[in-house]
N, C-alpha and C. Protein backbone atom coordinates (compact mmCIF):
# COMPACT_ATOMS: atom_id res chain seq x y z
N MET A 1 106.89 -219.28 -11.11
CA MET A 1 106.71 -219.22 -9.66
C MET A 1 107.26 -217.88 -9.11
N ARG A 2 108.46 -217.49 -9.62
CA ARG A 2 109.08 -216.24 -9.17
C ARG A 2 108.18 -215.05 -9.50
N GLU A 3 107.63 -215.05 -10.73
CA GLU A 3 106.74 -213.95 -11.12
C GLU A 3 105.50 -213.93 -10.23
N TYR A 4 105.00 -215.12 -9.89
CA TYR A 4 103.82 -215.22 -9.03
C TYR A 4 104.10 -214.63 -7.66
N PHE A 5 105.29 -214.98 -7.12
CA PHE A 5 105.69 -214.49 -5.79
C PHE A 5 105.83 -212.96 -5.80
N LEU A 6 106.47 -212.44 -6.85
CA LEU A 6 106.69 -211.00 -6.95
C LEU A 6 105.36 -210.25 -7.08
N SER A 7 104.48 -210.82 -7.91
CA SER A 7 103.19 -210.15 -8.11
C SER A 7 102.40 -210.08 -6.82
N HIS A 8 102.45 -211.14 -6.03
CA HIS A 8 101.72 -211.14 -4.77
C HIS A 8 102.34 -210.16 -3.76
N ARG A 9 103.67 -210.07 -3.79
CA ARG A 9 104.33 -209.09 -2.93
C ARG A 9 103.94 -207.66 -3.32
N LEU A 10 103.86 -207.43 -4.66
CA LEU A 10 103.48 -206.11 -5.17
C LEU A 10 102.06 -205.75 -4.74
N VAL A 11 101.15 -206.73 -4.83
CA VAL A 11 99.77 -206.50 -4.43
C VAL A 11 99.71 -206.13 -2.94
N GLY A 12 100.53 -206.86 -2.15
CA GLY A 12 100.55 -206.59 -0.71
C GLY A 12 101.03 -205.19 -0.41
N VAL A 13 102.08 -204.78 -1.12
CA VAL A 13 102.60 -203.42 -0.92
C VAL A 13 101.58 -202.38 -1.30
N LEU A 14 100.91 -202.60 -2.43
CA LEU A 14 99.91 -201.66 -2.89
C LEU A 14 98.76 -201.54 -1.90
N ARG A 15 98.40 -202.67 -1.27
CA ARG A 15 97.31 -202.63 -0.28
C ARG A 15 97.66 -201.72 0.90
N ILE A 16 98.95 -201.64 1.20
CA ILE A 16 99.39 -200.80 2.31
C ILE A 16 99.58 -199.36 1.86
N VAL A 17 100.22 -199.17 0.68
CA VAL A 17 100.58 -197.85 0.22
C VAL A 17 99.40 -197.07 -0.32
N ALA A 18 98.52 -197.75 -1.07
CA ALA A 18 97.40 -197.05 -1.72
C ALA A 18 96.54 -196.26 -0.75
N PRO A 19 96.08 -196.87 0.38
CA PRO A 19 95.28 -196.07 1.32
C PRO A 19 96.03 -194.87 1.87
N LEU A 20 97.36 -195.07 2.11
CA LEU A 20 98.16 -193.95 2.59
C LEU A 20 98.21 -192.83 1.56
N GLY A 21 98.29 -193.24 0.27
CA GLY A 21 98.31 -192.25 -0.80
C GLY A 21 97.03 -191.45 -0.85
N VAL A 22 95.90 -192.16 -0.65
CA VAL A 22 94.60 -191.48 -0.66
C VAL A 22 94.51 -190.50 0.48
N VAL A 23 94.96 -190.95 1.69
CA VAL A 23 94.94 -190.06 2.85
C VAL A 23 95.80 -188.83 2.60
N PHE A 24 96.99 -189.06 2.01
CA PHE A 24 97.89 -187.93 1.72
C PHE A 24 97.26 -186.97 0.73
N LEU A 25 96.61 -187.52 -0.30
CA LEU A 25 95.98 -186.68 -1.33
C LEU A 25 94.86 -185.86 -0.73
N LEU A 26 94.02 -186.48 0.11
CA LEU A 26 92.91 -185.75 0.72
C LEU A 26 93.43 -184.67 1.67
N ALA A 27 94.48 -185.02 2.42
CA ALA A 27 95.06 -184.03 3.33
C ALA A 27 95.63 -182.85 2.54
N SER A 28 96.27 -183.17 1.41
CA SER A 28 96.82 -182.12 0.55
C SER A 28 95.74 -181.22 0.02
N CYS A 29 94.62 -181.81 -0.42
CA CYS A 29 93.51 -181.02 -0.96
C CYS A 29 92.93 -180.13 0.13
N ALA A 30 92.80 -180.69 1.32
CA ALA A 30 92.18 -179.93 2.42
C ALA A 30 93.00 -178.72 2.79
N THR A 31 94.35 -178.83 2.63
CA THR A 31 95.19 -177.72 3.07
C THR A 31 95.53 -176.76 1.96
N THR A 32 95.44 -177.19 0.69
CA THR A 32 95.89 -176.32 -0.41
C THR A 32 94.79 -175.86 -1.33
N SER A 33 93.67 -176.57 -1.40
CA SER A 33 92.62 -176.17 -2.31
C SER A 33 91.91 -174.94 -1.81
N PRO A 34 91.63 -173.95 -2.69
CA PRO A 34 90.91 -172.76 -2.26
C PRO A 34 89.45 -173.08 -1.99
N ARG A 35 88.79 -172.24 -1.19
CA ARG A 35 87.37 -172.44 -0.89
C ARG A 35 86.52 -172.22 -2.12
N PHE A 36 87.01 -171.42 -3.05
CA PHE A 36 86.26 -171.15 -4.26
C PHE A 36 87.24 -170.88 -5.39
N ARG A 37 86.79 -171.15 -6.61
CA ARG A 37 87.65 -170.94 -7.76
C ARG A 37 87.86 -169.45 -8.00
N SER A 38 88.95 -169.12 -8.67
CA SER A 38 89.24 -167.74 -9.00
C SER A 38 88.07 -167.12 -9.74
N GLY A 39 87.63 -165.95 -9.30
CA GLY A 39 86.52 -165.30 -9.97
C GLY A 39 85.17 -165.64 -9.38
N GLU A 40 85.14 -166.38 -8.26
CA GLU A 40 83.86 -166.70 -7.63
C GLU A 40 83.80 -166.11 -6.23
N ASP A 41 82.59 -165.86 -5.78
CA ASP A 41 82.34 -165.23 -4.50
C ASP A 41 81.73 -166.27 -3.56
N PRO A 42 82.40 -166.62 -2.45
CA PRO A 42 81.83 -167.61 -1.54
C PRO A 42 80.51 -167.18 -0.95
N ASP A 43 80.29 -165.87 -0.82
CA ASP A 43 79.01 -165.39 -0.33
C ASP A 43 77.90 -165.64 -1.33
N ALA A 44 78.25 -165.58 -2.62
CA ALA A 44 77.27 -165.89 -3.66
C ALA A 44 76.89 -167.37 -3.59
N ALA A 45 77.83 -168.21 -3.22
CA ALA A 45 77.53 -169.64 -3.07
C ALA A 45 76.47 -169.85 -1.99
N ASP A 46 76.56 -169.07 -0.90
CA ASP A 46 75.55 -169.15 0.14
C ASP A 46 74.20 -168.69 -0.39
N GLU A 47 74.20 -167.68 -1.24
CA GLU A 47 72.93 -167.23 -1.83
C GLU A 47 72.31 -168.30 -2.71
N VAL A 48 73.15 -168.99 -3.47
CA VAL A 48 72.64 -170.07 -4.32
C VAL A 48 72.02 -171.17 -3.47
N ARG A 49 72.69 -171.53 -2.39
CA ARG A 49 72.18 -172.58 -1.51
C ARG A 49 70.87 -172.17 -0.86
N ASN A 50 70.69 -170.87 -0.64
CA ASN A 50 69.48 -170.37 0.02
C ASN A 50 68.49 -169.77 -0.98
N ALA A 51 68.68 -170.04 -2.27
CA ALA A 51 67.87 -169.40 -3.31
C ALA A 51 66.38 -169.60 -3.10
N GLY A 52 65.97 -170.82 -2.76
CA GLY A 52 64.56 -171.10 -2.58
C GLY A 52 63.96 -170.29 -1.44
N THR A 53 64.65 -170.23 -0.32
CA THR A 53 64.17 -169.46 0.83
C THR A 53 64.13 -167.98 0.52
N ILE A 54 65.18 -167.48 -0.14
CA ILE A 54 65.24 -166.06 -0.50
C ILE A 54 64.06 -165.68 -1.40
N LYS A 55 63.77 -166.55 -2.39
CA LYS A 55 62.67 -166.26 -3.31
C LYS A 55 61.33 -166.21 -2.58
N LYS A 56 61.11 -167.17 -1.68
CA LYS A 56 59.85 -167.18 -0.91
C LYS A 56 59.71 -165.94 -0.04
N GLU A 57 60.81 -165.56 0.62
CA GLU A 57 60.78 -164.39 1.48
C GLU A 57 60.53 -163.12 0.68
N LEU A 58 61.16 -163.03 -0.49
CA LEU A 58 60.95 -161.87 -1.36
C LEU A 58 59.49 -161.76 -1.78
N GLN A 59 58.92 -162.88 -2.20
CA GLN A 59 57.53 -162.87 -2.66
C GLN A 59 56.59 -162.46 -1.54
N LYS A 60 56.93 -162.87 -0.32
CA LYS A 60 56.07 -162.57 0.82
C LYS A 60 56.22 -161.14 1.31
N GLU A 61 57.43 -160.59 1.21
CA GLU A 61 57.72 -159.31 1.84
C GLU A 61 57.98 -158.17 0.87
N ASP A 62 57.95 -158.44 -0.44
CA ASP A 62 58.25 -157.37 -1.40
C ASP A 62 57.01 -156.50 -1.61
N ASP A 63 56.78 -155.62 -0.62
CA ASP A 63 55.60 -154.77 -0.66
C ASP A 63 55.79 -153.52 -1.52
N ARG A 64 57.01 -153.35 -2.03
CA ARG A 64 57.29 -152.20 -2.91
C ARG A 64 57.91 -152.71 -4.19
N LYS A 65 57.15 -153.49 -4.93
CA LYS A 65 57.63 -154.07 -6.17
C LYS A 65 57.95 -152.97 -7.16
N VAL A 66 59.12 -153.03 -7.77
CA VAL A 66 59.58 -151.98 -8.68
C VAL A 66 59.19 -152.33 -10.12
N ASP A 67 58.64 -151.34 -10.83
CA ASP A 67 58.35 -151.49 -12.25
C ASP A 67 59.64 -151.19 -13.01
N VAL A 68 60.39 -152.26 -13.29
CA VAL A 68 61.73 -152.09 -13.88
C VAL A 68 61.71 -151.37 -15.23
N PRO A 69 60.83 -151.75 -16.18
CA PRO A 69 60.81 -151.02 -17.46
C PRO A 69 60.52 -149.53 -17.29
N LEU A 70 59.62 -149.20 -16.35
CA LEU A 70 59.29 -147.79 -16.11
C LEU A 70 60.49 -147.04 -15.55
N VAL A 71 61.18 -147.65 -14.60
CA VAL A 71 62.37 -147.02 -14.02
C VAL A 71 63.44 -146.84 -15.08
N ARG A 72 63.60 -147.86 -15.93
CA ARG A 72 64.59 -147.77 -17.00
C ARG A 72 64.30 -146.61 -17.92
N ARG A 73 63.05 -146.47 -18.35
CA ARG A 73 62.68 -145.37 -19.26
C ARG A 73 62.95 -144.02 -18.60
N LYS A 74 62.64 -143.92 -17.32
CA LYS A 74 62.86 -142.68 -16.59
C LYS A 74 64.35 -142.34 -16.53
N LEU A 75 65.17 -143.33 -16.26
CA LEU A 75 66.61 -143.10 -16.14
C LEU A 75 67.25 -142.76 -17.48
N GLU A 76 66.69 -143.30 -18.55
CA GLU A 76 67.25 -143.07 -19.89
C GLU A 76 66.87 -141.71 -20.45
N GLN A 77 65.86 -141.08 -19.88
CA GLN A 77 65.45 -139.76 -20.36
C GLN A 77 66.48 -138.71 -19.95
N PRO A 78 66.79 -137.77 -20.86
CA PRO A 78 67.72 -136.69 -20.50
C PRO A 78 67.16 -135.87 -19.35
N ARG A 79 67.99 -135.56 -18.40
CA ARG A 79 67.54 -134.73 -17.28
C ARG A 79 67.45 -133.28 -17.72
N THR A 80 66.34 -132.65 -17.39
CA THR A 80 66.10 -131.27 -17.83
C THR A 80 66.03 -130.34 -16.62
N GLY A 81 66.16 -129.04 -16.94
CA GLY A 81 66.07 -128.04 -15.89
C GLY A 81 67.32 -128.05 -15.02
N PRO A 82 67.30 -127.28 -13.95
CA PRO A 82 68.46 -127.25 -13.04
C PRO A 82 68.61 -128.59 -12.33
N VAL A 83 69.76 -129.22 -12.55
CA VAL A 83 70.00 -130.54 -11.98
C VAL A 83 71.22 -130.50 -11.08
N VAL A 84 71.04 -131.01 -9.89
CA VAL A 84 72.16 -131.12 -8.95
C VAL A 84 72.74 -132.53 -9.10
N ASP A 85 73.96 -132.60 -9.59
CA ASP A 85 74.61 -133.90 -9.76
C ASP A 85 75.33 -134.26 -8.46
N ASP A 86 74.75 -135.22 -7.73
CA ASP A 86 75.34 -135.61 -6.46
C ASP A 86 76.22 -136.85 -6.58
N THR A 87 76.63 -137.16 -7.83
CA THR A 87 77.52 -138.30 -8.04
C THR A 87 78.85 -138.03 -7.36
N PRO A 88 79.37 -139.01 -6.58
CA PRO A 88 80.66 -138.79 -5.90
C PRO A 88 81.77 -138.49 -6.88
N PRO A 89 82.78 -137.73 -6.45
CA PRO A 89 83.93 -137.40 -7.32
C PRO A 89 84.60 -138.66 -7.87
N GLY A 90 84.99 -138.59 -9.13
CA GLY A 90 85.68 -139.72 -9.74
C GLY A 90 84.77 -140.67 -10.46
N LEU A 91 83.43 -140.50 -10.29
CA LEU A 91 82.48 -141.35 -10.99
C LEU A 91 81.71 -140.56 -12.03
N SER A 92 81.46 -141.17 -13.19
CA SER A 92 80.63 -140.55 -14.21
C SER A 92 79.25 -141.19 -14.14
N ARG A 93 78.26 -140.39 -13.81
CA ARG A 93 76.90 -140.91 -13.70
C ARG A 93 76.46 -141.55 -15.00
N ASP A 94 76.72 -140.89 -16.12
CA ASP A 94 76.26 -141.40 -17.41
C ASP A 94 76.91 -142.74 -17.75
N ARG A 95 78.21 -142.85 -17.54
CA ARG A 95 78.92 -144.10 -17.85
C ARG A 95 78.43 -145.23 -16.97
N LEU A 96 78.32 -144.94 -15.67
CA LEU A 96 77.89 -145.97 -14.72
C LEU A 96 76.46 -146.41 -15.01
N LEU A 97 75.60 -145.44 -15.25
CA LEU A 97 74.19 -145.75 -15.49
C LEU A 97 74.02 -146.54 -16.78
N LEU A 98 74.74 -146.17 -17.83
CA LEU A 98 74.67 -146.89 -19.10
C LEU A 98 75.08 -148.34 -18.92
N ASP A 99 76.11 -148.57 -18.12
CA ASP A 99 76.58 -149.93 -17.90
C ASP A 99 75.58 -150.73 -17.07
N VAL A 100 75.04 -150.11 -16.05
CA VAL A 100 74.03 -150.78 -15.22
C VAL A 100 72.84 -151.21 -16.07
N ILE A 101 72.34 -150.29 -16.89
CA ILE A 101 71.18 -150.59 -17.73
C ILE A 101 71.47 -151.70 -18.72
N SER A 102 72.71 -151.75 -19.21
CA SER A 102 73.07 -152.79 -20.18
C SER A 102 73.02 -154.19 -19.56
N TYR A 103 73.06 -154.28 -18.24
CA TYR A 103 73.01 -155.58 -17.56
C TYR A 103 71.59 -156.00 -17.17
N LEU A 104 70.63 -155.10 -17.27
CA LEU A 104 69.26 -155.43 -16.85
C LEU A 104 68.76 -156.69 -17.56
N GLY A 105 68.21 -157.61 -16.79
CA GLY A 105 67.69 -158.86 -17.37
C GLY A 105 68.71 -159.98 -17.46
N VAL A 106 69.99 -159.67 -17.25
CA VAL A 106 71.01 -160.72 -17.29
C VAL A 106 70.75 -161.69 -16.13
N PRO A 107 70.76 -162.99 -16.37
CA PRO A 107 70.43 -163.96 -15.32
C PRO A 107 71.50 -164.03 -14.23
N TYR A 108 71.07 -164.46 -13.05
CA TYR A 108 71.99 -164.69 -11.93
C TYR A 108 72.70 -166.01 -12.16
N VAL A 109 74.03 -165.97 -12.18
CA VAL A 109 74.84 -167.17 -12.36
C VAL A 109 75.98 -167.14 -11.34
N TYR A 110 76.05 -168.15 -10.51
CA TYR A 110 77.12 -168.20 -9.52
C TYR A 110 78.48 -168.21 -10.20
N GLY A 111 79.34 -167.29 -9.80
CA GLY A 111 80.67 -167.18 -10.40
C GLY A 111 80.70 -166.37 -11.67
N GLY A 112 79.52 -165.93 -12.15
CA GLY A 112 79.45 -165.19 -13.40
C GLY A 112 79.89 -163.75 -13.25
N ALA A 113 80.50 -163.22 -14.30
CA ALA A 113 80.93 -161.81 -14.29
C ALA A 113 80.90 -161.28 -15.71
N SER A 114 79.80 -161.56 -16.43
CA SER A 114 79.65 -161.08 -17.80
C SER A 114 78.17 -160.91 -18.09
N ARG A 115 77.85 -160.43 -19.29
CA ARG A 115 76.45 -160.24 -19.65
C ARG A 115 75.75 -161.55 -20.00
N LYS A 116 76.46 -162.65 -19.89
CA LYS A 116 75.83 -163.96 -20.04
C LYS A 116 75.27 -164.44 -18.70
N GLY A 117 75.80 -163.87 -17.61
CA GLY A 117 75.35 -164.26 -16.28
C GLY A 117 76.29 -163.70 -15.23
N VAL A 118 75.71 -163.19 -14.13
CA VAL A 118 76.52 -162.60 -13.06
C VAL A 118 75.95 -162.98 -11.69
N ASP A 119 76.82 -163.01 -10.69
CA ASP A 119 76.33 -163.01 -9.32
C ASP A 119 76.44 -161.57 -8.81
N CYS A 120 76.03 -161.33 -7.57
CA CYS A 120 75.90 -159.94 -7.11
C CYS A 120 77.21 -159.18 -7.11
N SER A 121 78.28 -159.78 -6.58
CA SER A 121 79.56 -159.07 -6.54
C SER A 121 80.24 -159.06 -7.90
N GLY A 122 79.91 -160.04 -8.75
CA GLY A 122 80.41 -160.01 -10.12
C GLY A 122 79.83 -158.83 -10.88
N PHE A 123 78.55 -158.55 -10.63
CA PHE A 123 77.89 -157.41 -11.26
C PHE A 123 78.53 -156.10 -10.83
N THR A 124 78.67 -155.88 -9.52
CA THR A 124 79.22 -154.62 -9.05
C THR A 124 80.68 -154.44 -9.49
N SER A 125 81.45 -155.52 -9.45
CA SER A 125 82.86 -155.40 -9.83
C SER A 125 83.01 -155.11 -11.33
N GLN A 126 82.16 -155.73 -12.16
CA GLN A 126 82.24 -155.49 -13.60
C GLN A 126 81.80 -154.07 -13.96
N VAL A 127 80.73 -153.60 -13.35
CA VAL A 127 80.26 -152.25 -13.64
C VAL A 127 81.31 -151.22 -13.25
N TYR A 128 81.89 -151.37 -12.07
CA TYR A 128 82.90 -150.42 -11.63
C TYR A 128 84.16 -150.48 -12.48
N PHE A 129 84.49 -151.69 -12.96
CA PHE A 129 85.71 -151.82 -13.76
C PHE A 129 85.53 -151.19 -15.15
N THR A 130 84.40 -151.47 -15.79
CA THR A 130 84.21 -150.99 -17.15
C THR A 130 83.74 -149.54 -17.20
N ALA A 131 82.98 -149.10 -16.21
CA ALA A 131 82.41 -147.75 -16.24
C ALA A 131 83.21 -146.73 -15.45
N ALA A 132 84.01 -147.21 -14.48
CA ALA A 132 84.73 -146.25 -13.63
C ALA A 132 86.21 -146.54 -13.52
N ASP A 133 86.67 -147.58 -14.23
CA ASP A 133 88.10 -147.95 -14.19
C ASP A 133 88.56 -148.24 -12.77
N VAL A 134 87.68 -148.85 -11.98
CA VAL A 134 87.99 -149.20 -10.59
C VAL A 134 87.95 -150.71 -10.45
N SER A 135 89.01 -151.28 -9.88
CA SER A 135 89.06 -152.72 -9.65
C SER A 135 88.61 -153.01 -8.23
N LEU A 136 87.38 -153.50 -8.08
CA LEU A 136 86.87 -153.88 -6.77
C LEU A 136 87.29 -155.32 -6.46
N PRO A 137 87.40 -155.66 -5.17
CA PRO A 137 87.62 -157.07 -4.82
C PRO A 137 86.45 -157.91 -5.34
N ARG A 138 86.67 -159.20 -5.49
CA ARG A 138 85.64 -160.06 -6.10
C ARG A 138 84.50 -160.46 -5.16
N SER A 139 84.79 -160.55 -3.87
CA SER A 139 83.73 -161.05 -2.97
C SER A 139 82.98 -159.92 -2.29
N THR A 140 81.75 -160.21 -1.88
CA THR A 140 80.91 -159.24 -1.21
C THR A 140 81.57 -158.73 0.07
N ARG A 141 82.08 -159.65 0.88
CA ARG A 141 82.69 -159.26 2.14
C ARG A 141 83.92 -158.36 1.94
N GLU A 142 84.69 -158.65 0.89
CA GLU A 142 85.86 -157.81 0.63
C GLU A 142 85.44 -156.43 0.12
N GLN A 143 84.39 -156.38 -0.71
CA GLN A 143 83.91 -155.09 -1.19
C GLN A 143 83.39 -154.22 -0.04
N TYR A 144 82.93 -154.88 1.00
CA TYR A 144 82.40 -154.18 2.17
C TYR A 144 83.52 -153.47 2.96
N THR A 145 84.76 -153.76 2.63
CA THR A 145 85.89 -153.18 3.37
C THR A 145 86.54 -152.02 2.63
N VAL A 146 86.14 -151.76 1.38
CA VAL A 146 86.80 -150.71 0.59
C VAL A 146 85.95 -149.44 0.60
N GLY A 147 86.61 -148.32 0.25
CA GLY A 147 85.89 -147.06 0.19
C GLY A 147 85.58 -146.50 1.57
N ALA A 148 84.66 -145.53 1.59
CA ALA A 148 84.27 -144.86 2.83
C ALA A 148 82.88 -145.29 3.25
N ARG A 149 82.70 -145.50 4.53
CA ARG A 149 81.37 -145.88 5.06
C ARG A 149 80.39 -144.72 4.89
N VAL A 150 79.16 -145.06 4.49
CA VAL A 150 78.13 -144.04 4.22
C VAL A 150 76.87 -144.36 5.02
N PRO A 151 76.30 -143.40 5.77
CA PRO A 151 75.04 -143.62 6.46
C PRO A 151 73.90 -143.83 5.47
N ARG A 152 72.91 -144.58 5.88
CA ARG A 152 71.75 -144.85 5.01
C ARG A 152 71.09 -143.57 4.53
N THR A 153 71.09 -142.55 5.36
CA THR A 153 70.42 -141.29 5.02
C THR A 153 71.22 -140.41 4.08
N GLU A 154 72.48 -140.79 3.80
CA GLU A 154 73.33 -139.95 2.95
C GLU A 154 73.79 -140.66 1.67
N LEU A 155 73.02 -141.63 1.24
CA LEU A 155 73.37 -142.38 0.03
C LEU A 155 73.36 -141.48 -1.21
N ARG A 156 74.34 -141.71 -2.08
CA ARG A 156 74.41 -140.99 -3.35
C ARG A 156 74.59 -141.98 -4.49
N PHE A 157 74.30 -141.53 -5.69
CA PHE A 157 74.40 -142.38 -6.87
C PHE A 157 75.75 -143.08 -6.93
N GLY A 158 75.73 -144.40 -7.15
CA GLY A 158 76.96 -145.16 -7.30
C GLY A 158 77.47 -145.82 -6.03
N ASP A 159 76.90 -145.45 -4.87
CA ASP A 159 77.35 -146.09 -3.63
C ASP A 159 77.01 -147.57 -3.65
N LEU A 160 77.86 -148.37 -3.03
CA LEU A 160 77.57 -149.80 -2.89
C LEU A 160 76.70 -150.00 -1.65
N VAL A 161 75.65 -150.77 -1.79
CA VAL A 161 74.76 -151.06 -0.65
C VAL A 161 74.81 -152.57 -0.36
N PHE A 162 74.83 -152.90 0.93
CA PHE A 162 75.05 -154.29 1.36
C PHE A 162 73.90 -154.81 2.23
N PHE A 163 73.68 -156.12 2.12
CA PHE A 163 72.57 -156.75 2.81
C PHE A 163 72.99 -158.11 3.40
N ASN A 164 72.24 -158.52 4.41
CA ASN A 164 72.39 -159.85 4.98
C ASN A 164 71.21 -160.69 4.52
N THR A 165 71.42 -161.52 3.50
CA THR A 165 70.32 -162.32 2.93
C THR A 165 70.41 -163.79 3.29
N THR A 166 71.51 -164.20 3.93
CA THR A 166 71.71 -165.63 4.19
C THR A 166 72.03 -165.94 5.65
N GLY A 167 72.05 -164.91 6.50
CA GLY A 167 72.45 -165.12 7.88
C GLY A 167 73.91 -164.81 8.12
N LYS A 168 74.63 -164.56 7.02
CA LYS A 168 76.02 -164.14 7.11
C LYS A 168 76.10 -162.71 6.59
N SER A 169 76.74 -161.85 7.35
CA SER A 169 76.73 -160.42 6.98
C SER A 169 78.12 -159.92 6.60
N PRO A 170 78.19 -159.21 5.44
CA PRO A 170 77.16 -159.07 4.42
C PRO A 170 77.23 -160.21 3.42
N SER A 171 76.12 -160.50 2.75
CA SER A 171 76.10 -161.60 1.78
C SER A 171 75.59 -161.16 0.41
N HIS A 172 75.14 -159.91 0.30
CA HIS A 172 74.58 -159.44 -0.98
C HIS A 172 74.96 -157.97 -1.15
N VAL A 173 75.23 -157.56 -2.42
CA VAL A 173 75.65 -156.20 -2.69
C VAL A 173 74.98 -155.68 -3.96
N GLY A 174 74.70 -154.38 -3.98
CA GLY A 174 74.13 -153.74 -5.15
C GLY A 174 74.68 -152.33 -5.30
N ILE A 175 74.19 -151.60 -6.31
CA ILE A 175 74.64 -150.23 -6.57
C ILE A 175 73.46 -149.28 -6.42
N TYR A 176 73.61 -148.30 -5.53
CA TYR A 176 72.53 -147.34 -5.30
C TYR A 176 72.36 -146.44 -6.52
N ILE A 177 71.09 -146.22 -6.91
CA ILE A 177 70.78 -145.36 -8.06
C ILE A 177 70.21 -144.02 -7.59
N GLU A 178 68.97 -144.02 -7.20
CA GLU A 178 68.32 -142.81 -6.68
C GLU A 178 66.94 -143.18 -6.17
N ASP A 179 66.31 -142.27 -5.43
CA ASP A 179 64.94 -142.48 -4.96
C ASP A 179 64.76 -143.83 -4.26
N ASP A 180 65.72 -144.20 -3.43
CA ASP A 180 65.70 -145.47 -2.67
C ASP A 180 65.79 -146.70 -3.56
N LEU A 181 66.18 -146.54 -4.82
CA LEU A 181 66.33 -147.68 -5.72
C LEU A 181 67.79 -148.08 -5.84
N PHE A 182 68.02 -149.36 -5.99
CA PHE A 182 69.37 -149.86 -6.23
C PHE A 182 69.32 -150.96 -7.28
N ALA A 183 70.41 -151.10 -8.02
CA ALA A 183 70.53 -152.14 -9.04
C ALA A 183 71.39 -153.27 -8.47
N HIS A 184 70.99 -154.49 -8.79
CA HIS A 184 71.74 -155.64 -8.25
C HIS A 184 71.40 -156.91 -9.04
N ALA A 185 72.25 -157.91 -8.85
CA ALA A 185 71.97 -159.22 -9.45
C ALA A 185 71.22 -160.05 -8.41
N SER A 186 69.90 -160.12 -8.59
CA SER A 186 69.04 -160.85 -7.66
C SER A 186 69.10 -162.34 -7.97
N VAL A 187 69.19 -163.15 -6.91
CA VAL A 187 69.27 -164.59 -7.10
C VAL A 187 68.00 -165.14 -7.72
N SER A 188 66.89 -164.42 -7.58
CA SER A 188 65.63 -164.90 -8.14
C SER A 188 65.24 -164.23 -9.45
N ASP A 189 65.69 -162.98 -9.68
CA ASP A 189 65.25 -162.23 -10.86
C ASP A 189 66.37 -161.82 -11.81
N GLY A 190 67.62 -162.13 -11.49
CA GLY A 190 68.72 -161.64 -12.31
C GLY A 190 68.95 -160.16 -12.03
N VAL A 191 69.63 -159.47 -12.94
CA VAL A 191 69.93 -158.05 -12.71
C VAL A 191 68.65 -157.23 -12.82
N THR A 192 68.36 -156.48 -11.79
CA THR A 192 67.09 -155.75 -11.73
C THR A 192 67.25 -154.54 -10.81
N PHE A 193 66.17 -153.78 -10.67
CA PHE A 193 66.10 -152.70 -9.69
C PHE A 193 65.20 -153.15 -8.54
N SER A 194 65.57 -152.79 -7.33
CA SER A 194 64.74 -153.06 -6.17
C SER A 194 64.72 -151.83 -5.28
N SER A 195 63.79 -151.82 -4.33
CA SER A 195 63.66 -150.68 -3.43
C SER A 195 64.26 -150.97 -2.06
N LEU A 196 65.03 -150.03 -1.56
CA LEU A 196 65.57 -150.15 -0.21
C LEU A 196 64.46 -150.09 0.83
N GLU A 197 63.30 -149.57 0.44
CA GLU A 197 62.19 -149.45 1.36
C GLU A 197 61.26 -150.66 1.37
N SER A 198 61.55 -151.65 0.54
CA SER A 198 60.75 -152.88 0.60
C SER A 198 61.03 -153.55 1.94
N ALA A 199 60.05 -154.26 2.46
CA ALA A 199 60.20 -154.89 3.76
C ALA A 199 61.41 -155.83 3.79
N TYR A 200 61.60 -156.55 2.68
CA TYR A 200 62.69 -157.54 2.62
C TYR A 200 64.05 -156.88 2.75
N TYR A 201 64.33 -155.89 1.91
CA TYR A 201 65.65 -155.27 1.90
C TYR A 201 65.86 -154.28 3.03
N LYS A 202 64.80 -153.65 3.48
CA LYS A 202 64.93 -152.66 4.55
C LYS A 202 65.46 -153.29 5.82
N LYS A 203 64.93 -154.45 6.18
CA LYS A 203 65.37 -155.08 7.43
C LYS A 203 66.67 -155.86 7.27
N ARG A 204 67.14 -156.03 6.03
CA ARG A 204 68.38 -156.77 5.80
C ARG A 204 69.55 -155.86 5.42
N PHE A 205 69.29 -154.56 5.32
CA PHE A 205 70.34 -153.60 4.98
C PHE A 205 71.36 -153.55 6.12
N VAL A 206 72.66 -153.67 5.77
CA VAL A 206 73.70 -153.66 6.81
C VAL A 206 74.70 -152.52 6.65
N GLY A 207 74.66 -151.81 5.52
CA GLY A 207 75.61 -150.70 5.37
C GLY A 207 75.87 -150.34 3.92
N ALA A 208 76.64 -149.28 3.75
CA ALA A 208 76.96 -148.79 2.39
C ALA A 208 78.39 -148.28 2.37
N ARG A 209 78.98 -148.32 1.19
CA ARG A 209 80.35 -147.83 1.02
C ARG A 209 80.41 -146.93 -0.23
N ARG A 210 81.20 -145.88 -0.14
CA ARG A 210 81.37 -144.96 -1.27
C ARG A 210 82.77 -145.15 -1.84
N ILE A 211 82.82 -145.46 -3.13
CA ILE A 211 84.09 -145.71 -3.79
C ILE A 211 84.53 -144.43 -4.48
N ILE A 212 85.60 -143.82 -3.99
CA ILE A 212 86.12 -142.58 -4.56
C ILE A 212 87.56 -142.83 -5.02
N HIS A 213 87.87 -142.38 -6.24
CA HIS A 213 89.24 -142.58 -6.73
C HIS A 213 89.72 -141.35 -7.49
């Protein structure tokens, strides 16, 4: 009888305490859990959520489709004759370009930062780290705050270019190459080259930054 009485008292206490524990746990999670895991970009999460819409808009508005293999072959050819190297100080065009090309075709993966899969800011941060020994912030919005602001008309090789693809600005980032082309991890095509003059990217361009060290 005593055990029965105690067990019922214990059940009663648990009925009161357990919900309070759940409330406490949820409150704790809400105040202490990060919005995203280490190494992930919350702006990339928005791109993933809007992937279908982005792909449809790209297909509809990509009036300057880039022949990626052709561009790659052109970039890999040794430059001949008098060449003006407009690469910003502190960056090696050859190192950066080699790293960019090595990522071509790598799929878009939210939170990815390797040749198995990358998101847009993971791509730019990895290229800058391995090719230029520069540690960029992980998120697109944070990368938009570093370096020097560059006008659209004064872009040079290696500049970071930013876009509003989800309604939040900026939400996408790439690396300017030349001739209005930039390399980036596209949510629909993976790492590729695109044109700043395409209807889609031209109207979504929000700015550029030059990383000098």
